[in-house]
Amino acid sequence: MFKVRSEAHGRVLSAVEDIKSCCEIGDYYEEWSDIAASSIQAFLEDLTAEQLDDTCGAFREYITETAEENPNLANGIKEALTICLNEMLDYIGDVPDDGDSEDEDYYSDYDGETSRLVDEMKYALAKLTNISV
């Protein structure tokens, strides 16, 4: 399926196998995509922004390649990844842009890597909306 085997592709294939083991993917994807989001999140936690970019790219590739053969699975993975990224963004909360905040103490827990992760998640969500299955 994937042309090049990489860590990102390995994470995607592992996440898909986990989804297949805990979800009835033959059912309409809206019935299992929220559970699949939890499976995907386990594979996205603790990644750097660069690793997240690579992995989300591998997910987009998987969705695109799977769409013709199994549109229900492709839509389910797309929906689950969207849910997962939105939940991760909600968990992180608002990250200031370039420290313009008047209340810098409030944002002292956010470092450059967290800001890069937030930017990457937003970018990945935008790219997901452009995929049609």
C-alpha atoms as a PDB file:
ATOM      1  CA  MET A   1       0.000   0.000   0.000  1.00  0.00           C
ATOM      2  CA  PHE A   2       2.599   2.579   1.043  1.00  0.00           C
ATOM      3  CA  LYS A   3       5.517   3.099  -1.269  1.00  0.00           C
ATOM      4  CA  VAL A   4       8.034   3.845   1.455  1.00  0.00           C
ATOM      5  CA  ARG A   5       8.002   2.233   4.864  1.00  0.00           C
ATOM      6  CA  SER A   6       8.758   4.820   7.527  1.00  0.00           C
ATOM      7  CA  GLU A   7       8.019   5.389  11.176  1.00  0.00           C
ATOM      8  CA  ALA A   8       5.011   7.516  10.214  1.00  0.00           C
ATOM      9  CA  HIS A   9       3.593   4.822   7.950  1.00  0.00           C
ATOM     10  CA  GLY A  10       4.215   2.267  10.671  1.00  0.00           C
ATOM     11  CA  ARG A  11       2.215   4.370  13.139  1.00  0.00           C
ATOM     12  CA  VAL A  12      -0.655   4.604  10.632  1.00  0.00           C
ATOM     13  CA  LEU A  13      -0.700   0.879   9.943  1.00  0.00           C
ATOM     14  CA  SER A  14      -0.546   0.122  13.678  1.00  0.00           C
ATOM     15  CA  ALA A  15      -3.393   2.556  14.359  1.00  0.00           C
ATOM     16  CA  VAL A  16      -5.505   1.019  11.582  1.00  0.00           C
ATOM     17  CA  GLU A  17      -4.891  -2.485  12.943  1.00  0.00           C
ATOM     18  CA  ASP A  18      -5.868  -1.270  16.411  1.00  0.00           C
ATOM     19  CA  ILE A  19      -9.036   0.279  14.970  1.00  0.00           C
ATOM     20  CA  LYS A  20      -9.894  -2.932  13.141  1.00  0.00           C
ATOM     21  CA  SER A  21      -9.456  -4.925  16.346  1.00  0.00           C
ATOM     22  CA  CYS A  22     -11.730  -2.733  18.473  1.00  0.00           C
ATOM     23  CA  CYS A  23     -14.302  -1.476  15.944  1.00  0.00           C
ATOM     24  CA  GLU A  24     -16.749  -3.154  13.631  1.00  0.00           C
ATOM     25  CA  ILE A  25     -15.527  -1.323  10.531  1.00  0.00           C
ATOM     26  CA  GLY A  26     -18.209  -2.981   8.400  1.00  0.00           C
ATOM     27  CA  ASP A  27     -20.760  -0.775  10.160  1.00  0.00           C
ATOM     28  CA  TYR A  28     -21.372   2.740   8.919  1.00  0.00           C
ATOM     29  CA  TYR A  29     -18.309   4.781   9.903  1.00  0.00           C
ATOM     30  CA  GLU A  30     -20.235   7.311  12.004  1.00  0.00           C
ATOM     31  CA  GLU A  31     -20.989   4.464  14.434  1.00  0.00           C
ATOM     32  CA  TRP A  32     -17.325   3.742  15.173  1.00  0.00           C
ATOM     33  CA  SER A  33     -15.284   6.843  14.272  1.00  0.00           C
ATOM     34  CA  ASP A  34     -15.331   8.239  17.826  1.00  0.00           C
ATOM     35  CA  ILE A  35     -13.853   5.003  19.192  1.00  0.00           C
ATOM     36  CA  ALA A  36     -11.313   4.976  16.366  1.00  0.00           C
ATOM     37  CA  ALA A  37     -10.267   8.514  17.348  1.00  0.00           C
ATOM     38  CA  SER A  38      -9.064   7.148  20.695  1.00  0.00           C
ATOM     39  CA  SER A  39      -6.990   4.539  18.894  1.00  0.00           C
ATOM     40  CA  ILE A  40      -5.408   7.175  16.680  1.00  0.00           C
ATOM     41  CA  GLN A  41      -4.700   9.463  19.624  1.00  0.00           C
ATOM     42  CA  ALA A  42      -2.619   6.758  21.277  1.00  0.00           C
ATOM     43  CA  PHE A  43      -0.320   6.844  18.245  1.00  0.00           C
ATOM     44  CA  LEU A  44      -0.126  10.650  18.050  1.00  0.00           C
ATOM     45  CA  GLU A  45       0.641  11.385  21.698  1.00  0.00           C
ATOM     46  CA  ASP A  46       4.146  12.560  22.508  1.00  0.00           C
ATOM     47  CA  LEU A  47       5.112  13.255  18.883  1.00  0.00           C
ATOM     48  CA  THR A  48       7.142  16.274  17.873  1.00  0.00           C
ATOM     49  CA  ALA A  49       5.639  18.696  15.358  1.00  0.00           C
ATOM     50  CA  GLU A  50       7.752  17.145  12.597  1.00  0.00           C
ATOM     51  CA  GLN A  51       6.658  13.603  13.499  1.00  0.00           C
ATOM     52  CA  LEU A  52       3.029  14.755  13.668  1.00  0.00           C
ATOM     53  CA  ASP A  53       3.364  16.318  10.211  1.00  0.00           C
ATOM     54  CA  ASP A  54       4.817  13.091   8.789  1.00  0.00           C
ATOM     55  CA  THR A  55       2.189  10.923  10.473  1.00  0.00           C
ATOM     56  CA  CYS A  56      -0.762  13.084   9.401  1.00  0.00           C
ATOM     57  CA  GLY A  57       0.655  13.021   5.871  1.00  0.00           C
ATOM     58  CA  ALA A  58       0.800   9.233   6.047  1.00  0.00           C
ATOM     59  CA  PHE A  59      -2.810   9.161   7.280  1.00  0.00           C
ATOM     60  CA  ARG A  60      -3.872  11.350   4.336  1.00  0.00           C
ATOM     61  CA  GLU A  61      -2.057   9.002   1.979  1.00  0.00           C
ATOM     62  CA  TYR A  62      -3.750   5.985   3.580  1.00  0.00           C
ATOM     63  CA  ILE A  63      -7.182   7.618   3.310  1.00  0.00           C
ATOM     64  CA  THR A  64      -6.623   8.481  -0.350  1.00  0.00           C
ATOM     65  CA  GLU A  65      -5.352   5.013  -1.232  1.00  0.00           C
ATOM     66  CA  THR A  66      -8.152   3.262   0.678  1.00  0.00           C
ATOM     67  CA  ALA A  67     -11.009   5.445  -0.621  1.00  0.00           C
ATOM     68  CA  GLU A  68     -11.628   3.569  -3.853  1.00  0.00           C
ATOM     69  CA  GLU A  69     -11.392   0.093  -2.330  1.00  0.00           C
ATOM     70  CA  ASN A  70     -13.206   0.791   0.951  1.00  0.00           C
ATOM     71  CA  PRO A  71     -14.813   4.250   1.168  1.00  0.00           C
ATOM     72  CA  ASN A  72     -16.411   3.450   4.537  1.00  0.00           C
ATOM     73  CA  LEU A  73     -13.010   2.723   6.098  1.00  0.00           C
ATOM     74  CA  ALA A  74     -11.448   5.780   4.445  1.00  0.00           C
ATOM     75  CA  ASN A  75     -14.238   8.045   5.701  1.00  0.00           C
ATOM     76  CA  GLY A  76     -14.024   6.506   9.167  1.00  0.00           C
ATOM     77  CA  ILE A  77     -10.270   7.076   9.406  1.00  0.00           C
ATOM     78  CA  LYS A  78     -10.687  10.629   8.092  1.00  0.00           C
ATOM     79  CA  GLU A  79     -13.459  11.368  10.602  1.00  0.00           C
ATOM     80  CA  ALA A  80     -11.541   9.728  13.462  1.00  0.00           C
ATOM     81  CA  LEU A  81      -8.368  11.698  12.697  1.00  0.00           C
ATOM     82  CA  THR A  82     -10.420  14.903  12.563  1.00  0.00           C
ATOM     83  CA  ILE A  83     -12.029  14.117  15.926  1.00  0.00           C
ATOM     84  CA  CYS A  84      -8.654  13.221  17.418  1.00  0.00           C
ATOM     85  CA  LEU A  85      -6.908  16.404  16.259  1.00  0.00           C
ATOM     86  CA  ASN A  86      -9.792  18.602  17.430  1.00  0.00           C
ATOM     87  CA  GLU A  87      -9.765  16.931  20.845  1.00  0.00           C
ATOM     88  CA  MET A  88      -6.005  17.362  21.114  1.00  0.00           C
ATOM     89  CA  LEU A  89      -6.386  21.061  20.259  1.00  0.00           C
ATOM     90  CA  ASP A  90      -9.156  21.423  22.840  1.00  0.00           C
ATOM     91  CA  TYR A  91      -6.950  19.778  25.465  1.00  0.00           C
ATOM     92  CA  ILE A  92      -4.022  22.101  24.758  1.00  0.00           C
ATOM     93  CA  GLY A  93      -6.240  25.194  24.759  1.00  0.00           C
ATOM     94  CA  ASP A  94      -5.403  28.593  23.400  1.00  0.00           C
ATOM     95  CA  VAL A  95      -1.757  29.186  22.635  1.00  0.00           C
ATOM     96  CA  PRO A  96      -0.713  32.818  22.234  1.00  0.00           C
ATOM     97  CA  ASP A  97       0.719  34.106  18.971  1.00  0.00           C
ATOM     98  CA  ASP A  98       4.298  35.277  19.504  1.00  0.00           C
ATOM     99  CA  GLY A  99       3.723  36.136  23.155  1.00  0.00           C
ATOM    100  CA  ASP A 100       1.567  39.251  22.575  1.00  0.00           C
ATOM    101  CA  SER A 101      -0.547  38.363  25.568  1.00  0.00           C
ATOM    102  CA  GLU A 102      -0.925  40.925  28.316  1.00  0.00           C
ATOM    103  CA  ASP A 103      -1.003  38.112  30.858  1.00  0.00           C
ATOM    104  CA  GLU A 104       2.243  36.301  30.139  1.00  0.00           C
ATOM    105  CA  ASP A 105       2.044  34.223  33.337  1.00  0.00           C
ATOM    106  CA  TYR A 106      -1.093  32.546  32.006  1.00  0.00           C
ATOM    107  CA  TYR A 107       0.809  31.316  28.972  1.00  0.00           C
ATOM    108  CA  SER A 108       4.089  30.477  30.680  1.00  0.00           C
ATOM    109  CA  ASP A 109       3.466  26.723  30.286  1.00  0.00           C
ATOM    110  CA  TYR A 110       3.497  26.962  26.490  1.00  0.00           C
ATOM    111  CA  ASP A 111       6.838  26.586  24.826  1.00  0.00           C
ATOM    112  CA  GLY A 112       7.824  26.844  21.186  1.00  0.00           C
ATOM    113  CA  GLU A 113       7.235  23.137  20.581  1.00  0.00           C
ATOM    114  CA  THR A 114       3.659  23.361  21.858  1.00  0.00           C
ATOM    115  CA  SER A 115       3.006  26.276  19.518  1.00  0.00           C
ATOM    116  CA  ARG A 116       4.484  24.292  16.630  1.00  0.00           C
ATOM    117  CA  LEU A 117       2.274  21.310  17.537  1.00  0.00           C
ATOM    118  CA  VAL A 118      -0.824  23.514  17.569  1.00  0.00           C
ATOM    119  CA  ASP A 119       0.122  24.972  14.188  1.00  0.00           C
ATOM    120  CA  GLU A 120       0.685  21.483  12.801  1.00  0.00           C
ATOM    121  CA  MET A 121      -2.658  20.224  14.095  1.00  0.00           C
ATOM    122  CA  LYS A 122      -4.474  23.169  12.510  1.00  0.00           C
ATOM    123  CA  TYR A 123      -2.603  22.598   9.247  1.00  0.00           C
ATOM    124  CA  ALA A 124      -3.445  18.871   9.310  1.00  0.00           C
ATOM    125  CA  LEU A 125      -7.123  19.635   9.904  1.00  0.00           C
ATOM    126  CA  ALA A 126      -7.165  22.039   6.965  1.00  0.00           C
ATOM    127  CA  LYS A 127      -5.566  19.419   4.719  1.00  0.00           C
ATOM    128  CA  LEU A 128      -8.097  16.791   5.851  1.00  0.00           C
ATOM    129  CA  THR A 129     -11.009  18.942   4.761  1.00  0.00           C
ATOM    130  CA  ASN A 130      -9.559  18.984   1.236  1.00  0.00           C
ATOM    131  CA  ILE A 131      -9.672  15.190   0.932  1.00  0.00           C
ATOM    132  CA  SER A 132     -12.791  13.931  -0.749  1.00  0.00           C
ATOM    133  CA  VAL A 133     -13.726  10.300  -0.381  1.00  0.00           C
END
